[in-house]
C-alpha atoms as a PDB file:
ATOM      1  CA  MET A   1      11.579  14.018   3.117  1.00  0.00           C
ATOM      2  CA  THR A   2      10.925  17.027   4.984  1.00  0.00           C
ATOM      3  CA  GLU A   3       7.881  17.980   6.839  1.00  0.00           C
ATOM      4  CA  GLN A   4       7.583  20.711   3.978  1.00  0.00           C
ATOM      5  CA  ASP A   5       7.639  18.253   0.954  1.00  0.00           C
ATOM      6  CA  SER A   6       5.147  15.455   2.865  1.00  0.00           C
ATOM      7  CA  SER A   7       2.482  18.076   2.745  1.00  0.00           C
ATOM      8  CA  LEU A   8       2.888  18.861  -0.804  1.00  0.00           C
ATOM      9  CA  ILE A   9       2.114  14.576  -1.528  1.00  0.00           C
ATOM     10  CA  SER A  10      -1.050  12.587  -0.722  1.00  0.00           C
ATOM     11  CA  THR A  11      -0.853  10.246   2.461  1.00  0.00           C
ATOM     12  CA  HIS A  12      -0.747   7.120   0.502  1.00  0.00           C
ATOM     13  CA  ASP A  13       2.033   8.438  -1.876  1.00  0.00           C
ATOM     14  CA  ARG A  14       3.721   9.111   1.955  1.00  0.00           C
ATOM     15  CA  PHE A  15       3.513   5.504   2.678  1.00  0.00           C
ATOM     16  CA  THR A  16       5.175   4.338  -0.975  1.00  0.00           C
ATOM     17  CA  VAL A  17       8.173   6.988  -0.559  1.00  0.00           C
ATOM     18  CA  PHE A  18       8.792   5.712   2.676  1.00  0.00           C
ATOM     19  CA  TYR A  19       8.401   1.877   1.955  1.00  0.00           C
ATOM     20  CA  THR A  20      10.508   2.740  -1.028  1.00  0.00           C
ATOM     21  CA  LEU A  21      13.565   4.484   0.338  1.00  0.00           C
ATOM     22  CA  GLU A  22      13.392   3.443   4.132  1.00  0.00           C
ATOM     23  CA  TRP A  23      11.385   0.493   4.676  1.00  0.00           C
ATOM     24  CA  LYS A  24      14.273  -2.519   5.069  1.00  0.00           C
ATOM     25  CA  ASP A  25      13.485  -5.436   4.137  1.00  0.00           C
ATOM     26  CA  GLU A  26      13.918  -6.968   7.532  1.00  0.00           C
ATOM     27  CA  ALA A  27      12.216  -4.058   9.335  1.00  0.00           C
ATOM     28  CA  VAL A  28       8.626  -4.847  11.171  1.00  0.00           C
ATOM     29  CA  TYR A  29       6.040  -1.555  12.177  1.00  0.00           C
ATOM     30  CA  THR A  30       2.970  -1.449  14.045  1.00  0.00           C
ATOM     31  CA  THR A  31       0.449   0.895  13.223  1.00  0.00           C
ATOM     32  CA  ARG A  32       1.735   3.058  16.075  1.00  0.00           C
ATOM     33  CA  ASP A  33       4.712   3.702  14.465  1.00  0.00           C
ATOM     34  CA  PHE A  34       3.048   5.140  11.217  1.00  0.00           C
ATOM     35  CA  ALA A  35       0.483   6.949  13.038  1.00  0.00           C
ATOM     36  CA  ASP A  36       3.680   8.804  15.415  1.00  0.00           C
ATOM     37  CA  LEU A  37       5.857   8.842  12.294  1.00  0.00           C
ATOM     38  CA  PHE A  38       3.404  10.754   9.842  1.00  0.00           C
ATOM     39  CA  LYS A  39       1.426  11.956  12.887  1.00  0.00           C
ATOM     40  CA  LEU A  40      -2.044  10.546  11.492  1.00  0.00           C
ATOM     41  CA  GLU A  41      -5.116   9.177  12.987  1.00  0.00           C
ATOM     42  CA  PHE A  42      -4.654   5.217  14.046  1.00  0.00           C
ATOM     43  CA  ARG A  43      -7.827   4.065  11.442  1.00  0.00           C
ATOM     44  CA  ASP A  44      -6.333   6.447   8.804  1.00  0.00           C
ATOM     45  CA  VAL A  45      -3.205   4.730   8.877  1.00  0.00           C
ATOM     46  CA  ARG A  46      -4.256   1.375   9.175  1.00  0.00           C
ATOM     47  CA  TYR A  47      -6.314   2.218   5.975  1.00  0.00           C
ATOM     48  CA  HIS A  48      -3.129   3.046   4.208  1.00  0.00           C
ATOM     49  CA  LEU A  49      -1.507  -0.307   5.409  1.00  0.00           C
ATOM     50  CA  MET A  50      -4.114  -2.374   4.508  1.00  0.00           C
ATOM     51  CA  ARG A  51      -4.114  -0.819   0.676  1.00  0.00           C
ATOM     52  CA  MET A  52      -0.017  -1.925   0.498  1.00  0.00           C
ATOM     53  CA  VAL A  53      -1.409  -5.422   2.004  1.00  0.00           C
ATOM     54  CA  ASP A  54      -3.781  -5.822  -1.037  1.00  0.00           C
ATOM     55  CA  ASP A  55      -1.373  -4.259  -3.427  1.00  0.00           C
ATOM     56  CA  GLY A  56       0.721  -7.297  -2.506  1.00  0.00           C
ATOM     57  CA  LEU A  57       3.584  -4.521  -1.373  1.00  0.00           C
ATOM     58  CA  LEU A  58       3.364  -5.794   2.370  1.00  0.00           C
ATOM     59  CA  CYS A  59       1.987  -8.768   4.776  1.00  0.00           C
ATOM     60  CA  ARG A  60       0.101  -8.338   8.017  1.00  0.00           C
ATOM     61  CA  VAL A  61       0.898 -11.339  10.657  1.00  0.00           C
ATOM     62  CA  LYS A  62      -1.816 -11.141  13.812  1.00  0.00           C
ATOM     63  CA  TYR A  63      -0.850 -12.911  16.782  1.00  0.00           C
ATOM     64  CA  GLU A  64      -2.500 -12.652  19.928  1.00  0.00           C
ATOM     65  CA  GLY A  65      -4.231  -9.319  19.444  1.00  0.00           C
ATOM     66  CA  ASN A  66      -0.888  -7.616  18.129  1.00  0.00           C
ATOM     67  CA  THR A  67      -0.577  -6.590  14.665  1.00  0.00           C
ATOM     68  CA  TRP A  68       2.958  -6.098  12.592  1.00  0.00           C
ATOM     69  CA  TYR A  69       3.318  -5.020   8.962  1.00  0.00           C
ATOM     70  CA  MET A  70       6.359  -6.371   6.762  1.00  0.00           C
ATOM     71  CA  LYS A  71       7.683  -6.162   3.492  1.00  0.00           C
ATOM     72  CA  ARG A  72       6.099  -9.178   1.227  1.00  0.00           C
ATOM     73  CA  CYS A  73       9.208 -10.780   0.634  1.00  0.00           C
ATOM     74  CA  ASN A  74       8.630 -11.883   4.022  1.00  0.00           C
ATOM     75  CA  TYR A  75       5.807 -13.726   3.423  1.00  0.00           C
ATOM     76  CA  ASP A  76       6.887 -17.207   2.900  1.00  0.00           C
ATOM     77  CA  ASP A  77       8.951 -17.093   6.005  1.00  0.00           C
ATOM     78  CA  PHE A  78       5.725 -16.843   8.145  1.00  0.00           C
ATOM     79  CA  LYS A  79       3.833 -18.914   5.962  1.00  0.00           C
ATOM     80  CA  LYS A  80       4.708 -21.862   8.242  1.00  0.00           C
ATOM     81  CA  LEU A  81       3.479 -20.603  11.249  1.00  0.00           C
ATOM     82  CA  ARG A  82       0.118 -20.320  10.017  1.00  0.00           C
ATOM     83  CA  PRO A  83      -1.585 -22.774  12.274  1.00  0.00           C
ATOM     84  CA  TYR A  84      -0.485 -20.716  14.941  1.00  0.00           C
ATOM     85  CA  ILE A  85      -0.617 -16.692  13.507  1.00  0.00           C
ATOM     86  CA  HIS A  86      -2.948 -14.665  11.566  1.00  0.00           C
ATOM     87  CA  LEU A  87      -1.055 -14.168   8.192  1.00  0.00           C
ATOM     88  CA  LEU A  88      -2.258 -11.778   5.157  1.00  0.00           C
END
């Protein structure tokens, strides 16, 4: 997607397009990754990622103050670690 194309669609649609076309099933991203990629404020990125968590597209893993986002297909792999991590 070119920069000109990305300016024509909503921010959330940009996340959805990235999720659909570029996000590999095994890939894990941080909020900072998307802030740099889309040149957005940290809190705006977190909002859109959490919308995708709420929509059932992503899961969020928190461990020792760090947060990662991954496709929901990986959720079952992390369920057994619940005593050690916070998983949404």
